[in-house]
Amino acid sequence: MSKIKRIRAIIENNARMMLPVEYDKALIGLHYKDDQIIPVYTYLSLIEAHMDYYNVTEEKALNYIEDNVTPNSAFIIVDDTGV
């Protein structure tokens, strides 16, 4: 079983919110906080996954991720932009 499949199985078995499978290439791990398991994603990979799946420009993908994913406390987004 791949790392991503193991992570997805853990989250699904614990009834936690996670992004759809289209974003799995950005899924890098889990964060355990109290009794919660929070999925951890990388920022750049989320944008790339969104661009690939929805066939949109980088700017549209960035706006979508910024507006809909990063504000959600159910996910941890690691900033891997190097800025």
PDB file of N, CA and C in Angstrom:
ATOM      1  N   MET A   1       0.853  -1.175   0.000  1.00  0.00           N
ATOM      2  CA  MET A   1       0.000   0.000   0.000  1.00  0.00           C
ATOM      3  C   MET A   1       0.898   1.238   0.000  1.00  0.00           C
ATOM      4  N   SER A   2       0.578   2.179  -0.857  1.00  0.00           N
ATOM      5  CA  SER A   2       1.392   3.386  -0.945  1.00  0.00           C
ATOM      6  C   SER A   2       1.163   4.283   0.273  1.00  0.00           C
ATOM      7  N   LYS A   3       2.094   5.203   0.468  1.00  0.00           N
ATOM      8  CA  LYS A   3       2.004   6.136   1.593  1.00  0.00           C
ATOM      9  C   LYS A   3       0.702   6.923   1.543  1.00  0.00           C
ATOM     10  N   ILE A   4       0.353   7.421   0.382  1.00  0.00           N
ATOM     11  CA  ILE A   4      -0.865   8.225   0.256  1.00  0.00           C
ATOM     12  C   ILE A   4      -2.102   7.389   0.567  1.00  0.00           C
ATOM     13  N   LYS A   5      -2.125   6.146   0.115  1.00  0.00           N
ATOM     14  CA  LYS A   5      -3.267   5.281   0.407  1.00  0.00           C
ATOM     15  C   LYS A   5      -3.377   4.996   1.905  1.00  0.00           C
ATOM     16  N   ARG A   6      -2.225   4.813   2.572  1.00  0.00           N
ATOM     17  CA  ARG A   6      -2.246   4.594   4.027  1.00  0.00           C
ATOM     18  C   ARG A   6      -2.782   5.823   4.748  1.00  0.00           C
ATOM     19  N   ILE A   7      -2.308   7.002   4.344  1.00  0.00           N
ATOM     20  CA  ILE A   7      -2.762   8.245   4.973  1.00  0.00           C
ATOM     21  C   ILE A   7      -4.260   8.418   4.752  1.00  0.00           C
ATOM     22  N   ARG A   8      -4.709   8.220   3.514  1.00  0.00           N
ATOM     23  CA  ARG A   8      -6.129   8.362   3.189  1.00  0.00           C
ATOM     24  C   ARG A   8      -6.959   7.375   4.012  1.00  0.00           C
ATOM     25  N   ALA A   9      -6.507   6.153   4.157  1.00  0.00           N
ATOM     26  CA  ALA A   9      -7.244   5.147   4.928  1.00  0.00           C
ATOM     27  C   ALA A   9      -7.365   5.550   6.395  1.00  0.00           C
ATOM     28  N   ILE A  10      -6.286   6.070   6.960  1.00  0.00           N
ATOM     29  CA  ILE A  10      -6.316   6.514   8.362  1.00  0.00           C
ATOM     30  C   ILE A  10      -7.339   7.622   8.539  1.00  0.00           C
ATOM     31  N   ILE A  11      -7.319   8.600   7.647  1.00  0.00           N
ATOM     32  CA  ILE A  11      -8.250   9.724   7.769  1.00  0.00           C
ATOM     33  C   ILE A  11      -9.687   9.263   7.551  1.00  0.00           C
ATOM     34  N   GLU A  12      -9.909   8.452   6.544  1.00  0.00           N
ATOM     35  CA  GLU A  12     -11.270   7.969   6.281  1.00  0.00           C
ATOM     36  C   GLU A  12     -11.803   7.125   7.433  1.00  0.00           C
ATOM     37  N   ASN A  13     -10.947   6.326   8.050  1.00  0.00           N
ATOM     38  CA  ASN A  13     -11.366   5.492   9.174  1.00  0.00           C
ATOM     39  C   ASN A  13     -11.651   6.307  10.429  1.00  0.00           C
ATOM     40  N   ASN A  14     -11.135   7.506  10.485  1.00  0.00           N
ATOM     41  CA  ASN A  14     -11.361   8.364  11.638  1.00  0.00           C
ATOM     42  C   ASN A  14     -12.344   9.489  11.323  1.00  0.00           C
ATOM     43  N   ALA A  15     -13.079   9.354  10.225  1.00  0.00           N
ATOM     44  CA  ALA A  15     -14.149  10.272   9.844  1.00  0.00           C
ATOM     45  C   ALA A  15     -13.708  11.731   9.837  1.00  0.00           C
ATOM     46  N   ARG A  16     -12.518  11.996   9.357  1.00  0.00           N
ATOM     47  CA  ARG A  16     -12.027  13.365   9.250  1.00  0.00           C
ATOM     48  C   ARG A  16     -12.246  13.886   7.839  1.00  0.00           C
ATOM     49  N   MET A  17     -12.334  15.180   7.739  1.00  0.00           N
ATOM     50  CA  MET A  17     -12.472  15.821   6.435  1.00  0.00           C
ATOM     51  C   MET A  17     -11.126  15.807   5.724  1.00  0.00           C
ATOM     52  N   MET A  18     -11.172  15.550   4.437  1.00  0.00           N
ATOM     53  CA  MET A  18      -9.972  15.655   3.618  1.00  0.00           C
ATOM     54  C   MET A  18     -10.383  16.051   2.210  1.00  0.00           C
ATOM     55  N   LEU A  19      -9.412  16.497   1.449  1.00  0.00           N
ATOM     56  CA  LEU A  19      -9.683  16.919   0.081  1.00  0.00           C
ATOM     57  C   LEU A  19      -9.950  15.699  -0.794  1.00  0.00           C
ATOM     58  N   PRO A  20     -10.627  15.893  -1.919  1.00  0.00           N
ATOM     59  CA  PRO A  20     -10.898  14.771  -2.836  1.00  0.00           C
ATOM     60  C   PRO A  20      -9.607  14.124  -3.338  1.00  0.00           C
ATOM     61  N   VAL A  21      -9.730  12.939  -3.852  1.00  0.00           N
ATOM     62  CA  VAL A  21      -8.602  12.139  -4.317  1.00  0.00           C
ATOM     63  C   VAL A  21      -7.771  12.869  -5.376  1.00  0.00           C
ATOM     64  N   GLU A  22      -8.371  13.802  -6.098  1.00  0.00           N
ATOM     65  CA  GLU A  22      -7.643  14.556  -7.126  1.00  0.00           C
ATOM     66  C   GLU A  22      -6.457  15.326  -6.543  1.00  0.00           C
ATOM     67  N   TYR A  23      -6.491  15.585  -5.260  1.00  0.00           N
ATOM     68  CA  TYR A  23      -5.427  16.351  -4.604  1.00  0.00           C
ATOM     69  C   TYR A  23      -4.433  15.457  -3.850  1.00  0.00           C
ATOM     70  N   ASP A  24      -4.546  14.159  -4.004  1.00  0.00           N
ATOM     71  CA  ASP A  24      -3.701  13.239  -3.243  1.00  0.00           C
ATOM     72  C   ASP A  24      -2.206  13.423  -3.492  1.00  0.00           C
ATOM     73  N   LYS A  25      -1.811  13.887  -4.655  1.00  0.00           N
ATOM     74  CA  LYS A  25      -0.375  14.061  -4.896  1.00  0.00           C
ATOM     75  C   LYS A  25       0.218  15.142  -3.990  1.00  0.00           C
ATOM     76  N   ALA A  26      -0.627  15.970  -3.399  1.00  0.00           N
ATOM     77  CA  ALA A  26      -0.161  17.008  -2.476  1.00  0.00           C
ATOM     78  C   ALA A  26      -0.196  16.547  -1.017  1.00  0.00           C
ATOM     79  N   LEU A  27      -0.768  15.386  -0.764  1.00  0.00           N
ATOM     80  CA  LEU A  27      -0.905  14.858   0.600  1.00  0.00           C
ATOM     81  C   LEU A  27       0.430  14.295   1.071  1.00  0.00           C
ATOM     82  N   ILE A  28       0.987  14.878   2.129  1.00  0.00           N
ATOM     83  CA  ILE A  28       2.316  14.438   2.579  1.00  0.00           C
ATOM     84  C   ILE A  28       2.343  13.822   3.970  1.00  0.00           C
ATOM     85  N   GLY A  29       1.274  13.962   4.732  1.00  0.00           N
ATOM     86  CA  GLY A  29       1.314  13.381   6.059  1.00  0.00           C
ATOM     87  C   GLY A  29       0.097  13.707   6.892  1.00  0.00           C
ATOM     88  N   LEU A  30       0.229  13.407   8.179  1.00  0.00           N
ATOM     89  CA  LEU A  30      -0.832  13.621   9.150  1.00  0.00           C
ATOM     90  C   LEU A  30      -0.297  14.403  10.330  1.00  0.00           C
ATOM     91  N   HIS A  31      -1.163  15.210  10.916  1.00  0.00           N
ATOM     92  CA  HIS A  31      -0.824  15.916  12.150  1.00  0.00           C
ATOM     93  C   HIS A  31      -1.840  15.484  13.197  1.00  0.00           C
ATOM     94  N   TYR A  32      -1.328  15.020  14.334  1.00  0.00           N
ATOM     95  CA  TYR A  32      -2.201  14.586  15.413  1.00  0.00           C
ATOM     96  C   TYR A  32      -2.308  15.713  16.427  1.00  0.00           C
ATOM     97  N   LYS A  33      -3.541  16.185  16.652  1.00  0.00           N
ATOM     98  CA  LYS A  33      -3.783  17.275  17.594  1.00  0.00           C
ATOM     99  C   LYS A  33      -4.935  16.851  18.491  1.00  0.00           C
ATOM    100  N   ASP A  34      -4.617  16.655  19.759  1.00  0.00           N
ATOM    101  CA  ASP A  34      -5.601  16.169  20.722  1.00  0.00           C
ATOM    102  C   ASP A  34      -6.227  14.886  20.186  1.00  0.00           C
ATOM    103  N   ASP A  35      -7.524  14.879  19.947  1.00  0.00           N
ATOM    104  CA  ASP A  35      -8.173  13.678  19.429  1.00  0.00           C
ATOM    105  C   ASP A  35      -8.462  13.780  17.930  1.00  0.00           C
ATOM    106  N   GLN A  36      -7.823  14.736  17.263  1.00  0.00           N
ATOM    107  CA  GLN A  36      -8.043  14.943  15.836  1.00  0.00           C
ATOM    108  C   GLN A  36      -6.845  14.492  15.012  1.00  0.00           C
ATOM    109  N   ILE A  37      -7.139  14.059  13.814  1.00  0.00           N
ATOM    110  CA  ILE A  37      -6.106  13.759  12.827  1.00  0.00           C
ATOM    111  C   ILE A  37      -6.339  14.719  11.665  1.00  0.00           C
ATOM    112  N   ILE A  38      -5.330  15.540  11.378  1.00  0.00           N
ATOM    113  CA  ILE A  38      -5.463  16.574  10.364  1.00  0.00           C
ATOM    114  C   ILE A  38      -4.546  16.243   9.186  1.00  0.00           C
ATOM    115  N   PRO A  39      -5.083  16.177   7.969  1.00  0.00           N
ATOM    116  CA  PRO A  39      -4.240  15.913   6.802  1.00  0.00           C
ATOM    117  C   PRO A  39      -3.335  17.102   6.500  1.00  0.00           C
ATOM    118  N   VAL A  40      -2.134  16.795   6.031  1.00  0.00           N
ATOM    119  CA  VAL A  40      -1.141  17.817   5.710  1.00  0.00           C
ATOM    120  C   VAL A  40      -0.848  17.752   4.213  1.00  0.00           C
ATOM    121  N   TYR A  41      -0.961  18.910   3.555  1.00  0.00           N
ATOM    122  CA  TYR A  41      -0.751  19.020   2.112  1.00  0.00           C
ATOM    123  C   TYR A  41       0.334  20.051   1.823  1.00  0.00           C
ATOM    124  N   THR A  42       0.981  19.932   0.666  1.00  0.00           N
ATOM    125  CA  THR A  42       1.929  20.959   0.243  1.00  0.00           C
ATOM    126  C   THR A  42       1.223  21.929  -0.698  1.00  0.00           C
ATOM    127  N   TYR A  43       1.524  23.189  -0.521  1.00  0.00           N
ATOM    128  CA  TYR A  43       0.863  24.275  -1.244  1.00  0.00           C
ATOM    129  C   TYR A  43       1.048  24.177  -2.756  1.00  0.00           C
ATOM    130  N   LEU A  44       2.293  24.078  -3.193  1.00  0.00           N
ATOM    131  CA  LEU A  44       2.547  24.052  -4.639  1.00  0.00           C
ATOM    132  C   LEU A  44       1.923  22.840  -5.316  1.00  0.00           C
ATOM    133  N   SER A  45       1.961  21.706  -4.654  1.00  0.00           N
ATOM    134  CA  SER A  45       1.356  20.501  -5.231  1.00  0.00           C
ATOM    135  C   SER A  45      -0.162  20.607  -5.300  1.00  0.00           C
ATOM    136  N   LEU A  46      -0.769  21.305  -4.336  1.00  0.00           N
ATOM    137  CA  LEU A  46      -2.214  21.536  -4.410  1.00  0.00           C
ATOM    138  C   LEU A  46      -2.566  22.349  -5.649  1.00  0.00           C
ATOM    139  N   ILE A  47      -1.794  23.391  -5.887  1.00  0.00           N
ATOM    140  CA  ILE A  47      -2.041  24.233  -7.061  1.00  0.00           C
ATOM    141  C   ILE A  47      -1.856  23.425  -8.336  1.00  0.00           C
ATOM    142  N   GLU A  48      -0.775  22.650  -8.401  1.00  0.00           N
ATOM    143  CA  GLU A  48      -0.532  21.818  -9.585  1.00  0.00           C
ATOM    144  C   GLU A  48      -1.650  20.798  -9.791  1.00  0.00           C
ATOM    145  N   ALA A  49      -2.086  20.167  -8.721  1.00  0.00           N
ATOM    146  CA  ALA A  49      -3.154  19.171  -8.826  1.00  0.00           C
ATOM    147  C   ALA A  49      -4.444  19.814  -9.317  1.00  0.00           C
ATOM    148  N   HIS A  50      -4.737  21.001  -8.808  1.00  0.00           N
ATOM    149  CA  HIS A  50      -5.946  21.701  -9.237  1.00  0.00           C
ATOM    150  C   HIS A  50      -5.847  22.074 -10.716  1.00  0.00           C
ATOM    151  N   MET A  51      -4.694  22.558 -11.130  1.00  0.00           N
ATOM    152  CA  MET A  51      -4.486  22.905 -12.539  1.00  0.00           C
ATOM    153  C   MET A  51      -4.665  21.682 -13.433  1.00  0.00           C
ATOM    154  N   ASP A  52      -4.062  20.572 -13.044  1.00  0.00           N
ATOM    155  CA  ASP A  52      -4.121  19.348 -13.842  1.00  0.00           C
ATOM    156  C   ASP A  52      -5.547  18.795 -13.951  1.00  0.00           C
ATOM    157  N   TYR A  53      -6.231  18.727 -12.819  1.00  0.00           N
ATOM    158  CA  TYR A  53      -7.547  18.097 -12.812  1.00  0.00           C
ATOM    159  C   TYR A  53      -8.609  18.954 -13.497  1.00  0.00           C
ATOM    160  N   TYR A  54      -8.579  20.255 -13.220  1.00  0.00           N
ATOM    161  CA  TYR A  54      -9.618  21.136 -13.762  1.00  0.00           C
ATOM    162  C   TYR A  54      -9.193  21.860 -15.035  1.00  0.00           C
ATOM    163  N   ASN A  55      -7.958  21.633 -15.470  1.00  0.00           N
ATOM    164  CA  ASN A  55      -7.436  22.228 -16.698  1.00  0.00           C
ATOM    165  C   ASN A  55      -7.628  23.749 -16.698  1.00  0.00           C
ATOM    166  N   VAL A  56      -7.133  24.374 -15.632  1.00  0.00           N
ATOM    167  CA  VAL A  56      -7.219  25.828 -15.496  1.00  0.00           C
ATOM    168  C   VAL A  56      -5.819  26.415 -15.409  1.00  0.00           C
ATOM    169  N   THR A  57      -5.745  27.724 -15.503  1.00  0.00           N
ATOM    170  CA  THR A  57      -4.456  28.408 -15.410  1.00  0.00           C
ATOM    171  C   THR A  57      -3.936  28.377 -13.981  1.00  0.00           C
ATOM    172  N   GLU A  58      -2.659  28.667 -13.842  1.00  0.00           N
ATOM    173  CA  GLU A  58      -2.050  28.714 -12.516  1.00  0.00           C
ATOM    174  C   GLU A  58      -2.731  29.766 -11.646  1.00  0.00           C
ATOM    175  N   GLU A  59      -3.050  30.898 -12.233  1.00  0.00           N
ATOM    176  CA  GLU A  59      -3.691  31.972 -11.469  1.00  0.00           C
ATOM    177  C   GLU A  59      -5.062  31.551 -10.944  1.00  0.00           C
ATOM    178  N   LYS A  60      -5.863  30.879 -11.778  1.00  0.00           N
ATOM    179  CA  LYS A  60      -7.180  30.421 -11.334  1.00  0.00           C
ATOM    180  C   LYS A  60      -7.051  29.360 -10.249  1.00  0.00           C
ATOM    181  N   ALA A  61      -6.085  28.459 -10.410  1.00  0.00           N
ATOM    182  CA  ALA A  61      -5.864  27.422  -9.400  1.00  0.00           C
ATOM    183  C   ALA A  61      -5.409  28.050  -8.088  1.00  0.00           C
ATOM    184  N   LEU A  62      -4.493  29.000  -8.170  1.00  0.00           N
ATOM    185  CA  LEU A  62      -3.997  29.681  -6.972  1.00  0.00           C
ATOM    186  C   LEU A  62      -5.147  30.394  -6.257  1.00  0.00           C
ATOM    187  N   ASN A  63      -5.979  31.093  -7.001  1.00  0.00           N
ATOM    188  CA  ASN A  63      -7.115  31.794  -6.387  1.00  0.00           C
ATOM    189  C   ASN A  63      -8.080  30.818  -5.729  1.00  0.00           C
ATOM    190  N   TYR A  64      -8.331  29.696  -6.381  1.00  0.00           N
ATOM    191  CA  TYR A  64      -9.238  28.704  -5.800  1.00  0.00           C
ATOM    192  C   TYR A  64      -8.663  28.148  -4.489  1.00  0.00           C
ATOM    193  N   ILE A  65      -7.400  27.744  -4.509  1.00  0.00           N
ATOM    194  CA  ILE A  65      -6.766  27.180  -3.310  1.00  0.00           C
ATOM    195  C   ILE A  65      -6.729  28.213  -2.191  1.00  0.00           C
ATOM    196  N   GLU A  66      -6.357  29.449  -2.521  1.00  0.00           N
ATOM    197  CA  GLU A  66      -6.297  30.521  -1.515  1.00  0.00           C
ATOM    198  C   GLU A  66      -7.668  30.824  -0.917  1.00  0.00           C
ATOM    199  N   ASP A  67      -8.694  30.803  -1.736  1.00  0.00           N
ATOM    200  CA  ASP A  67     -10.037  31.169  -1.269  1.00  0.00           C
ATOM    201  C   ASP A  67     -10.784  30.031  -0.593  1.00  0.00           C
ATOM    202  N   ASN A  68     -10.515  28.789  -1.009  1.00  0.00           N
ATOM    203  CA  ASN A  68     -11.347  27.682  -0.545  1.00  0.00           C
ATOM    204  C   ASN A  68     -10.648  26.638   0.314  1.00  0.00           C
ATOM    205  N   VAL A  69      -9.340  26.510   0.196  1.00  0.00           N
ATOM    206  CA  VAL A  69      -8.656  25.436   0.915  1.00  0.00           C
ATOM    207  C   VAL A  69      -7.841  25.975   2.093  1.00  0.00           C
ATOM    208  N   THR A  70      -6.980  26.948   1.837  1.00  0.00           N
ATOM    209  CA  THR A  70      -6.097  27.422   2.907  1.00  0.00           C
ATOM    210  C   THR A  70      -6.831  28.007   4.115  1.00  0.00           C
ATOM    211  N   PRO A  71      -7.998  28.647   3.960  1.00  0.00           N
ATOM    212  CA  PRO A  71      -8.678  29.161   5.157  1.00  0.00           C
ATOM    213  C   PRO A  71      -9.322  28.065   6.012  1.00  0.00           C
ATOM    214  N   ASN A  72      -9.442  26.859   5.498  1.00  0.00           N
ATOM    215  CA  ASN A  72     -10.121  25.776   6.200  1.00  0.00           C
ATOM    216  C   ASN A  72      -9.194  25.150   7.237  1.00  0.00           C
ATOM    217  N   SER A  73      -9.596  25.204   8.483  1.00  0.00           N
ATOM    218  CA  SER A  73      -8.755  24.674   9.568  1.00  0.00           C
ATOM    219  C   SER A  73      -8.736  23.149   9.617  1.00  0.00           C
ATOM    220  N   ALA A  74      -9.502  22.499   8.757  1.00  0.00           N
ATOM    221  CA  ALA A  74      -9.500  21.029   8.711  1.00  0.00           C
ATOM    222  C   ALA A  74      -8.262  20.493   8.010  1.00  0.00           C
ATOM    223  N   PHE A  75      -7.476  21.387   7.393  1.00  0.00           N
ATOM    224  CA  PHE A  75      -6.275  20.990   6.666  1.00  0.00           C
ATOM    225  C   PHE A  75      -5.083  21.824   7.137  1.00  0.00           C
ATOM    226  N   ILE A  76      -3.914  21.229   7.050  1.00  0.00           N
ATOM    227  CA  ILE A  76      -2.679  21.976   7.243  1.00  0.00           C
ATOM    228  C   ILE A  76      -2.015  22.046   5.877  1.00  0.00           C
ATOM    229  N   ILE A  77      -1.694  23.266   5.459  1.00  0.00           N
ATOM    230  CA  ILE A  77      -1.043  23.481   4.175  1.00  0.00           C
ATOM    231  C   ILE A  77       0.371  23.975   4.436  1.00  0.00           C
ATOM    232  N   VAL A  78       1.349  23.188   4.012  1.00  0.00           N
ATOM    233  CA  VAL A  78       2.750  23.547   4.197  1.00  0.00           C
ATOM    234  C   VAL A  78       3.166  24.452   3.044  1.00  0.00           C
ATOM    235  N   ASP A  79       3.684  25.628   3.379  1.00  0.00           N
ATOM    236  CA  ASP A  79       4.140  26.576   2.357  1.00  0.00           C
ATOM    237  C   ASP A  79       5.512  26.135   1.861  1.00  0.00           C
ATOM    238  N   ASP A  80       5.533  25.588   0.672  1.00  0.00           N
ATOM    239  CA  ASP A  80       6.782  25.121   0.077  1.00  0.00           C
ATOM    240  C   ASP A  80       7.205  25.995  -1.094  1.00  0.00           C
ATOM    241  N   THR A  81       6.789  27.269  -1.051  1.00  0.00           N
ATOM    242  CA  THR A  81       7.121  28.185  -2.135  1.00  0.00           C
ATOM    243  C   THR A  81       8.537  28.709  -2.052  1.00  0.00           C
ATOM    244  N   GLY A  82       9.134  28.610  -0.879  1.00  0.00           N
ATOM    245  CA  GLY A  82      10.495  29.092  -0.698  1.00  0.00           C
ATOM    246  C   GLY A  82      10.570  30.588  -0.448  1.00  0.00           C
ATOM    247  N   VAL A  83       9.424  31.216  -0.250  1.00  0.00           N
ATOM    248  CA  VAL A  83       9.384  32.659  -0.017  1.00  0.00           C
ATOM    249  C   VAL A  83       9.414  32.924   1.468  1.00  0.00           C
TER     250      VAL A  83
END
